[in-house]
């Protein structure tokens, strides 16, 4: 990868939620993983 720029975009924690922070480190999205999983799987159930 040599000259390609890269940076940290996240980290894995023990928390049961997804947190997406803006450039100023202030959370802009905070959602429980169980809520996100249900939203993903619900339309697939028929």
PDB file of N, CA and C in Angstrom:
ATOM      1  N   UNK A   1       0.816  -1.199   0.000  1.00  0.00           N
ATOM      2  CA  UNK A   1       0.000   0.000   0.000  1.00  0.00           C
ATOM      3  C   UNK A   1       0.851   1.249   0.000  1.00  0.00           C
ATOM      4  N   UNK A   2       2.078   1.124   0.378  1.00  0.00           N
ATOM      5  CA  UNK A   2       3.071   2.181   0.272  1.00  0.00           C
ATOM      6  C   UNK A   2       2.627   3.593   0.581  1.00  0.00           C
ATOM      7  N   UNK A   3       2.305   4.352  -0.445  1.00  0.00           N
ATOM      8  CA  UNK A   3       2.021   5.783  -0.336  1.00  0.00           C
ATOM      9  C   UNK A   3       0.553   6.120  -0.082  1.00  0.00           C
ATOM     10  N   UNK A   4      -0.302   5.122   0.058  1.00  0.00           N
ATOM     11  CA  UNK A   4      -1.728   5.400   0.248  1.00  0.00           C
ATOM     12  C   UNK A   4      -2.001   5.903   1.657  1.00  0.00           C
ATOM     13  N   UNK A   5      -2.766   7.001   1.780  1.00  0.00           N
ATOM     14  CA  UNK A   5      -3.106   7.507   3.112  1.00  0.00           C
ATOM     15  C   UNK A   5      -4.121   6.583   3.796  1.00  0.00           C
ATOM     16  N   UNK A   6      -4.041   6.509   5.086  1.00  0.00           N
ATOM     17  CA  UNK A   6      -5.015   5.724   5.842  1.00  0.00           C
ATOM     18  C   UNK A   6      -5.208   6.370   7.212  1.00  0.00           C
ATOM     19  N   UNK A   7      -6.324   6.047   7.839  1.00  0.00           N
ATOM     20  CA  UNK A   7      -6.590   6.575   9.173  1.00  0.00           C
ATOM     21  C   UNK A   7      -7.562   5.658   9.893  1.00  0.00           C
ATOM     22  N   UNK A   8      -7.631   5.798  11.196  1.00  0.00           N
ATOM     23  CA  UNK A   8      -8.539   5.035  12.034  1.00  0.00           C
ATOM     24  C   UNK A   8      -9.965   5.506  11.787  1.00  0.00           C
ATOM     25  N   UNK A   9     -10.878   4.561  11.558  1.00  0.00           N
ATOM     26  CA  UNK A   9     -12.275   4.941  11.339  1.00  0.00           C
ATOM     27  C   UNK A   9     -13.202   4.385  12.408  1.00  0.00           C
ATOM     28  N   UNK A  10     -12.682   3.563  13.299  1.00  0.00           N
ATOM     29  CA  UNK A  10     -13.535   3.015  14.348  1.00  0.00           C
ATOM     30  C   UNK A  10     -12.769   2.085  15.259  1.00  0.00           C
ATOM     31  N   UNK A  11     -13.493   1.548  16.225  1.00  0.00           N
ATOM     32  CA  UNK A  11     -12.897   0.597  17.146  1.00  0.00           C
ATOM     33  C   UNK A  11     -13.972  -0.347  17.662  1.00  0.00           C
ATOM     34  N   UNK A  12     -13.560  -1.547  18.003  1.00  0.00           N
ATOM     35  CA  UNK A  12     -14.472  -2.538  18.565  1.00  0.00           C
ATOM     36  C   UNK A  12     -14.410  -2.427  20.080  1.00  0.00           C
ATOM     37  N   UNK A  13     -15.594  -2.370  20.704  1.00  0.00           N
ATOM     38  CA  UNK A  13     -15.671  -2.274  22.160  1.00  0.00           C
ATOM     39  C   UNK A  13     -16.614  -3.351  22.689  1.00  0.00           C
ATOM     40  N   UNK A  14     -16.751  -3.438  23.982  1.00  0.00           N
ATOM     41  CA  UNK A  14     -17.664  -4.385  24.615  1.00  0.00           C
ATOM     42  C   UNK A  14     -19.099  -3.857  24.645  1.00  0.00           C
ATOM     43  N   UNK A  15     -19.305  -2.632  24.240  1.00  0.00           N
ATOM     44  CA  UNK A  15     -20.619  -1.995  24.273  1.00  0.00           C
ATOM     45  C   UNK A  15     -21.610  -2.720  23.366  1.00  0.00           C
ATOM     46  N   UNK A  16     -22.872  -2.708  23.739  1.00  0.00           N
ATOM     47  CA  UNK A  16     -23.946  -3.318  22.953  1.00  0.00           C
ATOM     48  C   UNK A  16     -24.629  -2.282  22.066  1.00  0.00           C
ATOM     49  N   UNK A  17     -23.868  -1.271  21.628  1.00  0.00           N
ATOM     50  CA  UNK A  17     -24.451  -0.255  20.758  1.00  0.00           C
ATOM     51  C   UNK A  17     -23.447   0.191  19.707  1.00  0.00           C
ATOM     52  N   UNK A  18     -23.978   0.749  18.630  1.00  0.00           N
ATOM     53  CA  UNK A  18     -23.170   1.331  17.573  1.00  0.00           C
ATOM     54  C   UNK A  18     -23.172   2.835  17.787  1.00  0.00           C
ATOM     55  N   UNK A  19     -21.996   3.422  17.819  1.00  0.00           N
ATOM     56  CA  UNK A  19     -21.881   4.873  17.967  1.00  0.00           C
ATOM     57  C   UNK A  19     -21.067   5.388  16.785  1.00  0.00           C
ATOM     58  N   UNK A  20     -21.631   6.342  16.064  1.00  0.00           N
ATOM     59  CA  UNK A  20     -20.921   6.992  14.966  1.00  0.00           C
ATOM     60  C   UNK A  20     -20.735   8.441  15.367  1.00  0.00           C
ATOM     61  N   UNK A  21     -19.480   8.855  15.425  1.00  0.00           N
ATOM     62  CA  UNK A  21     -19.155  10.216  15.857  1.00  0.00           C
ATOM     63  C   UNK A  21     -18.750  11.065  14.658  1.00  0.00           C
ATOM     64  N   UNK A  22     -19.038  12.346  14.755  1.00  0.00           N
ATOM     65  CA  UNK A  22     -18.634  13.290  13.729  1.00  0.00           C
ATOM     66  C   UNK A  22     -17.157  13.635  13.867  1.00  0.00           C
ATOM     67  N   UNK A  23     -16.698  14.526  13.020  1.00  0.00           N
ATOM     68  CA  UNK A  23     -15.294  14.924  13.009  1.00  0.00           C
ATOM     69  C   UNK A  23     -14.852  15.521  14.341  1.00  0.00           C
ATOM     70  N   UNK A  24     -15.796  16.108  15.087  1.00  0.00           N
ATOM     71  CA  UNK A  24     -15.462  16.715  16.378  1.00  0.00           C
ATOM     72  C   UNK A  24     -15.635  15.734  17.546  1.00  0.00           C
ATOM     73  N   UNK A  25     -15.775  14.436  17.237  1.00  0.00           N
ATOM     74  CA  UNK A  25     -15.937  13.366  18.230  1.00  0.00           C
ATOM     75  C   UNK A  25     -17.265  13.397  18.976  1.00  0.00           C
ATOM     76  N   UNK A  26     -18.203  14.206  18.527  1.00  0.00           N
ATOM     77  CA  UNK A  26     -19.537  14.240  19.127  1.00  0.00           C
ATOM     78  C   UNK A  26     -20.394  13.181  18.421  1.00  0.00           C
ATOM     79  N   UNK A  27     -21.043  12.283  19.175  1.00  0.00           N
ATOM     80  CA  UNK A  27     -21.866  11.248  18.543  1.00  0.00           C
ATOM     81  C   UNK A  27     -23.007  11.847  17.716  1.00  0.00           C
ATOM     82  N   UNK A  28     -23.140  11.371  16.484  1.00  0.00           N
ATOM     83  CA  UNK A  28     -24.240  11.798  15.624  1.00  0.00           C
ATOM     84  C   UNK A  28     -25.260  10.672  15.456  1.00  0.00           C
ATOM     85  N   UNK A  29     -24.838   9.434  15.714  1.00  0.00           N
ATOM     86  CA  UNK A  29     -25.720   8.271  15.693  1.00  0.00           C
ATOM     87  C   UNK A  29     -25.367   7.408  16.887  1.00  0.00           C
ATOM     88  N   UNK A  30     -26.379   6.954  17.599  1.00  0.00           N
ATOM     89  CA  UNK A  30     -26.171   6.043  18.723  1.00  0.00           C
ATOM     90  C   UNK A  30     -27.377   5.111  18.758  1.00  0.00           C
ATOM     91  N   UNK A  31     -27.154   3.820  18.491  1.00  0.00           N
ATOM     92  CA  UNK A  31     -28.269   2.879  18.408  1.00  0.00           C
ATOM     93  C   UNK A  31     -27.874   1.536  19.008  1.00  0.00           C
ATOM     94  N   UNK A  32     -28.826   0.898  19.674  1.00  0.00           N
ATOM     95  CA  UNK A  32     -28.599  -0.423  20.255  1.00  0.00           C
ATOM     96  C   UNK A  32     -28.440  -1.451  19.134  1.00  0.00           C
ATOM     97  N   UNK A  33     -27.492  -2.375  19.293  1.00  0.00           N
ATOM     98  CA  UNK A  33     -27.264  -3.390  18.277  1.00  0.00           C
ATOM     99  C   UNK A  33     -28.503  -4.253  18.058  1.00  0.00           C
ATOM    100  N   UNK A  34     -29.221  -4.579  19.115  1.00  0.00           N
ATOM    101  CA  UNK A  34     -30.430  -5.393  18.986  1.00  0.00           C
ATOM    102  C   UNK A  34     -31.482  -4.676  18.136  1.00  0.00           C
ATOM    103  N   UNK A  35     -31.606  -3.371  18.288  1.00  0.00           N
ATOM    104  CA  UNK A  35     -32.546  -2.586  17.478  1.00  0.00           C
ATOM    105  C   UNK A  35     -32.137  -2.609  16.008  1.00  0.00           C
ATOM    106  N   UNK A  36     -30.856  -2.441  15.746  1.00  0.00           N
ATOM    107  CA  UNK A  36     -30.361  -2.462  14.368  1.00  0.00           C
ATOM    108  C   UNK A  36     -30.542  -3.837  13.740  1.00  0.00           C
ATOM    109  N   UNK A  37     -30.265  -4.886  14.506  1.00  0.00           N
ATOM    110  CA  UNK A  37     -30.423  -6.250  13.999  1.00  0.00           C
ATOM    111  C   UNK A  37     -31.880  -6.529  13.649  1.00  0.00           C
ATOM    112  N   UNK A  38     -32.804  -6.125  14.502  1.00  0.00           N
ATOM    113  CA  UNK A  38     -34.231  -6.329  14.247  1.00  0.00           C
ATOM    114  C   UNK A  38     -34.671  -5.560  13.002  1.00  0.00           C
ATOM    115  N   UNK A  39     -34.202  -4.338  12.833  1.00  0.00           N
ATOM    116  CA  UNK A  39     -34.557  -3.532  11.656  1.00  0.00           C
ATOM    117  C   UNK A  39     -34.038  -4.177  10.373  1.00  0.00           C
ATOM    118  N   UNK A  40     -32.903  -4.835  10.448  1.00  0.00           N
ATOM    119  CA  UNK A  40     -32.309  -5.515   9.299  1.00  0.00           C
ATOM    120  C   UNK A  40     -33.068  -6.802   8.985  1.00  0.00           C
ATOM    121  N   UNK A  41     -33.409  -7.594  10.013  1.00  0.00           N
ATOM    122  CA  UNK A  41     -34.005  -8.903   9.793  1.00  0.00           C
ATOM    123  C   UNK A  41     -35.520  -8.870   9.565  1.00  0.00           C
ATOM    124  N   UNK A  42     -36.216  -7.909  10.134  1.00  0.00           N
ATOM    125  CA  UNK A  42     -37.683  -7.875  10.057  1.00  0.00           C
ATOM    126  C   UNK A  42     -38.221  -7.954   8.621  1.00  0.00           C
ATOM    127  N   UNK A  43     -37.696  -7.180   7.673  1.00  0.00           N
ATOM    128  CA  UNK A  43     -38.234  -7.262   6.306  1.00  0.00           C
ATOM    129  C   UNK A  43     -37.963  -8.611   5.633  1.00  0.00           C
ATOM    130  N   UNK A  44     -37.025  -9.373   6.150  1.00  0.00           N
ATOM    131  CA  UNK A  44     -36.681 -10.657   5.540  1.00  0.00           C
ATOM    132  C   UNK A  44     -37.586 -11.786   6.017  1.00  0.00           C
ATOM    133  N   UNK A  45     -38.358 -11.550   7.069  1.00  0.00           N
ATOM    134  CA  UNK A  45     -39.278 -12.565   7.593  1.00  0.00           C
ATOM    135  C   UNK A  45     -40.594 -12.496   6.831  1.00  0.00           C
ATOM    136  N   UNK A  46     -41.033 -13.606   6.261  1.00  0.00           N
ATOM    137  CA  UNK A  46     -42.326 -13.656   5.617  1.00  0.00           C
ATOM    138  C   UNK A  46     -42.863 -14.981   5.712  1.00  0.00           C
TER     139      UNK A  46
END
